[in-house]
Protein backbone atom coordinates (compact mmCIF):
# COMPACT_ATOMS: atom_id res chain seq x y z
CA UNK A 1 -14.73 -22.93 8.80
CA UNK A 2 -11.48 -21.96 7.07
CA UNK A 3 -10.41 -25.61 6.96
CA UNK A 4 -13.74 -26.55 5.39
CA UNK A 5 -13.24 -23.93 2.67
CA UNK A 6 -9.62 -25.00 2.06
CA UNK A 7 -10.50 -28.67 1.92
CA UNK A 8 -13.36 -28.03 -0.48
CA UNK A 9 -10.69 -27.18 -3.07
CA UNK A 10 -9.45 -30.78 -3.05
CA UNK A 11 -10.70 -32.97 -5.90
CA UNK A 12 -13.71 -34.98 -4.76
CA UNK A 13 -13.71 -33.34 -1.34
CA UNK A 14 -16.93 -32.34 0.33
CA UNK A 15 -17.43 -30.11 3.33
CA UNK A 16 -19.78 -32.66 4.83
CA UNK A 17 -17.10 -35.41 4.82
CA UNK A 18 -16.11 -34.11 8.26
CA UNK A 19 -19.62 -34.77 9.65
CA UNK A 20 -19.75 -38.54 10.02
CA UNK A 21 -22.77 -38.82 12.36
CA UNK A 22 -25.53 -37.22 10.33
CA UNK A 23 -25.72 -38.80 6.86
CA UNK A 24 -28.96 -37.04 5.89
CA UNK A 25 -27.58 -33.68 6.94
CA UNK A 26 -24.31 -34.38 5.11
CA UNK A 27 -26.20 -35.24 1.93
CA UNK A 28 -28.42 -32.14 2.23
CA UNK A 29 -25.38 -29.93 2.83
CA UNK A 30 -23.60 -31.37 -0.22
CA UNK A 31 -26.69 -30.77 -2.33
CA UNK A 32 -27.12 -27.24 -1.02
CA UNK A 33 -23.54 -26.04 -1.37
CA UNK A 34 -22.52 -28.14 -4.38
CA UNK A 35 -18.81 -27.76 -3.56
CA UNK A 36 -17.47 -30.84 -5.34
CA UNK A 37 -17.33 -29.40 -8.86
CA UNK A 38 -14.45 -29.46 -11.30
CA UNK A 39 -12.11 -26.47 -11.35
CA UNK A 40 -13.71 -25.19 -14.55
CA UNK A 41 -17.23 -25.30 -13.12
CA UNK A 42 -16.12 -23.67 -9.86
CA UNK A 43 -14.34 -20.91 -11.79
CA UNK A 44 -17.43 -20.54 -13.98
CA UNK A 45 -19.63 -20.24 -10.90
CA UNK A 46 -17.39 -17.50 -9.52
CA UNK A 47 -17.34 -15.71 -12.89
CA UNK A 48 -21.14 -15.88 -13.09
CA UNK A 49 -21.31 -14.30 -9.65
CA UNK A 50 -18.92 -11.52 -10.72
CA UNK A 51 -21.00 -10.92 -13.85
CA UNK A 52 -24.18 -10.60 -11.80
CA UNK A 53 -22.49 -8.56 -9.08
CA UNK A 54 -21.33 -5.91 -11.55
CA UNK A 55 -24.39 -6.08 -13.81
CA UNK A 56 -26.86 -3.20 -14.06
CA UNK A 57 -29.47 -5.21 -12.16
CA UNK A 58 -28.86 -3.49 -8.82
CA UNK A 59 -30.71 -5.05 -5.93
CA UNK A 60 -31.26 -8.38 -7.69
CA UNK A 61 -27.69 -9.71 -7.52
CA UNK A 62 -28.16 -12.19 -4.69
CA UNK A 63 -31.53 -13.51 -5.85
CA UNK A 64 -30.29 -13.94 -9.42
CA UNK A 65 -27.03 -15.50 -8.26
CA UNK A 66 -28.75 -18.09 -6.09
CA UNK A 67 -31.38 -18.74 -8.77
CA UNK A 68 -28.77 -19.42 -11.43
CA UNK A 69 -26.63 -21.45 -8.99
CA UNK A 70 -29.53 -23.77 -8.17
CA UNK A 71 -30.83 -23.96 -11.74
CA UNK A 72 -27.39 -24.75 -13.19
CA UNK A 73 -26.29 -26.84 -10.18
CA UNK A 74 -23.26 -24.64 -9.56
CA UNK A 75 -21.19 -24.13 -6.43
CA UNK A 76 -23.36 -21.72 -4.42
CA UNK A 77 -20.46 -20.43 -2.35
CA UNK A 78 -18.42 -19.52 -5.45
CA UNK A 79 -21.40 -17.74 -7.02
CA UNK A 80 -22.09 -15.70 -3.87
CA UNK A 81 -18.43 -14.77 -3.41
CA UNK A 82 -18.49 -13.50 -7.00
CA UNK A 83 -21.75 -11.61 -6.47
CA UNK A 84 -20.38 -9.90 -3.36
CA UNK A 85 -17.08 -8.94 -4.99
CA UNK A 86 -18.72 -5.62 -5.92
CA UNK A 87 -17.97 -3.97 -2.59
CA UNK A 88 -19.63 -0.74 -1.39
CA UNK A 89 -16.52 1.40 -1.93
CA UNK A 90 -16.21 0.07 -5.50
CA UNK A 91 -19.91 0.35 -6.37
CA UNK A 92 -20.26 4.09 -7.06
CA UNK A 93 -16.97 4.62 -8.96
CA UNK A 94 -17.59 1.47 -11.04
CA UNK A 95 -21.11 2.45 -12.09
CA UNK A 96 -20.07 6.06 -12.79
CA UNK A 97 -17.22 4.89 -15.03
CA UNK A 98 -19.43 2.26 -16.68
CA UNK A 99 -22.07 4.89 -17.41
CA UNK A 100 -19.46 7.26 -18.87
CA UNK A 101 -18.15 4.45 -21.11
CA UNK A 102 -21.69 3.57 -22.18
CA UNK A 103 -22.44 7.23 -22.89
CA UNK A 104 -19.28 7.51 -25.00
CA UNK A 105 -20.26 4.43 -27.02
CA UNK A 106 -23.83 5.65 -27.50
CA UNK A 107 -22.83 9.28 -28.11
CA UNK A 108 -24.84 10.58 -25.15
CA UNK A 109 -23.54 13.65 -23.35
CA UNK A 110 -23.09 13.50 -19.60
CA UNK A 111 -24.20 16.71 -17.79
CA UNK A 112 -21.21 18.56 -16.38
CA UNK A 113 -22.98 19.34 -13.10
CA UNK A 114 -24.15 15.75 -12.56
CA UNK A 115 -21.88 15.19 -9.56
CA UNK A 116 -23.24 18.31 -7.89
CA UNK A 117 -26.81 17.20 -8.54
CA UNK A 118 -26.10 13.81 -6.99
CA UNK A 119 -24.63 15.41 -3.84
CA UNK A 120 -27.76 17.42 -3.05
CA UNK A 121 -30.06 15.97 -0.42
CA UNK A 122 -33.15 15.54 -2.55
CA UNK A 123 -36.72 16.18 -1.58
CA UNK A 124 -39.55 14.94 -3.79
CA UNK A 125 -39.26 17.79 -6.31
CA UNK A 126 -35.48 17.40 -6.48
CA UNK A 127 -35.87 13.66 -7.02
CA UNK A 128 -38.14 14.29 -10.00
CA UNK A 129 -35.64 16.76 -11.44
CA UNK A 130 -32.76 14.32 -10.84
CA UNK A 131 -34.72 11.48 -12.48
CA UNK A 132 -35.43 13.71 -15.49
CA UNK A 133 -31.72 14.57 -15.75
CA UNK A 134 -30.62 10.94 -15.42
CA UNK A 135 -33.18 9.46 -17.82
CA UNK A 136 -31.02 10.06 -20.92
CA UNK A 137 -28.21 8.12 -19.24
CA UNK A 138 -30.29 4.99 -18.59
CA UNK A 139 -29.12 3.10 -21.69
CA UNK A 140 -25.55 4.33 -21.14
CA UNK A 141 -25.71 2.87 -17.64
CA UNK A 142 -27.15 -0.42 -18.91
CA UNK A 143 -24.63 -0.79 -21.76
CA UNK A 144 -21.56 0.33 -19.82
CA UNK A 145 -22.19 -1.82 -16.75
CA UNK A 146 -23.10 -4.86 -18.88
CA UNK A 147 -19.86 -4.53 -20.87
CA UNK A 148 -17.92 -3.99 -17.64
CA UNK A 149 -19.47 -7.05 -16.02
CA UNK A 150 -18.60 -9.15 -19.10
CA UNK A 151 -14.95 -8.05 -18.99
CA UNK A 152 -14.69 -8.54 -15.22
CA UNK A 153 -16.31 -11.98 -15.37
CA UNK A 154 -13.83 -13.13 -18.05
CA UNK A 155 -10.95 -11.90 -15.88
CA UNK A 156 -12.53 -13.59 -12.84
CA UNK A 157 -12.86 -16.90 -14.71
CA UNK A 158 -9.27 -16.96 -15.90
CA UNK A 159 -7.88 -15.81 -12.56
CA UNK A 160 -9.92 -18.15 -10.40
CA UNK A 161 -9.28 -21.14 -12.68
CA UNK A 162 -5.53 -20.49 -12.49
CA UNK A 163 -5.74 -20.11 -8.68
CA UNK A 164 -7.80 -23.30 -8.23
CA UNK A 165 -5.48 -25.30 -10.49
CA UNK A 166 -2.40 -23.96 -8.66
CA UNK A 167 -3.95 -24.78 -5.29
CA UNK A 168 -4.79 -28.31 -6.37
CA UNK A 169 -1.30 -28.89 -7.82
CA UNK A 170 0.27 -27.64 -4.58
CA UNK A 171 -2.02 -29.89 -2.58
CA UNK A 172 -1.15 -32.88 -4.77
CA UNK A 173 2.60 -32.20 -4.35
CA UNK A 174 2.32 -32.14 -0.56
CA UNK A 175 0.13 -35.24 -0.54
CA UNK A 176 2.61 -37.41 -2.47
């Protein structure tokens, strides 16, 4: 598996090139994964995944990522790696900071006891109270996490493009 991922970074390389017996399967796999893109398109696919992974659309990241990857004929693996770059231990701090930034931009005050309210184990009445307290922060959450996902996707594009180009140059040096 690792060799297939490494070799997919080579120009014109396809994962299915190592499956000589099943031409239909090879073709279907190439179509599904779409791993033979240019460095710019692969970096763009990863950046799109990062954008979606850090966007405010919680719970829709994977569906949106795959939908865009198929619609735009992008590298599905790169999109999904980007989508899943928002790891569980990053999720809460990222969205809290994004909401605080959004609140600062919009001039919305964040309740001082918000962290305490979030720690309570809510029953139905507590959930209603929590929802009422969080409602003013909805647009702060949307704005902050959208801005954050834009910044992170730009960083992801530049970083992944540089890494892909460096990998291909290194591969070309060892090949010649």
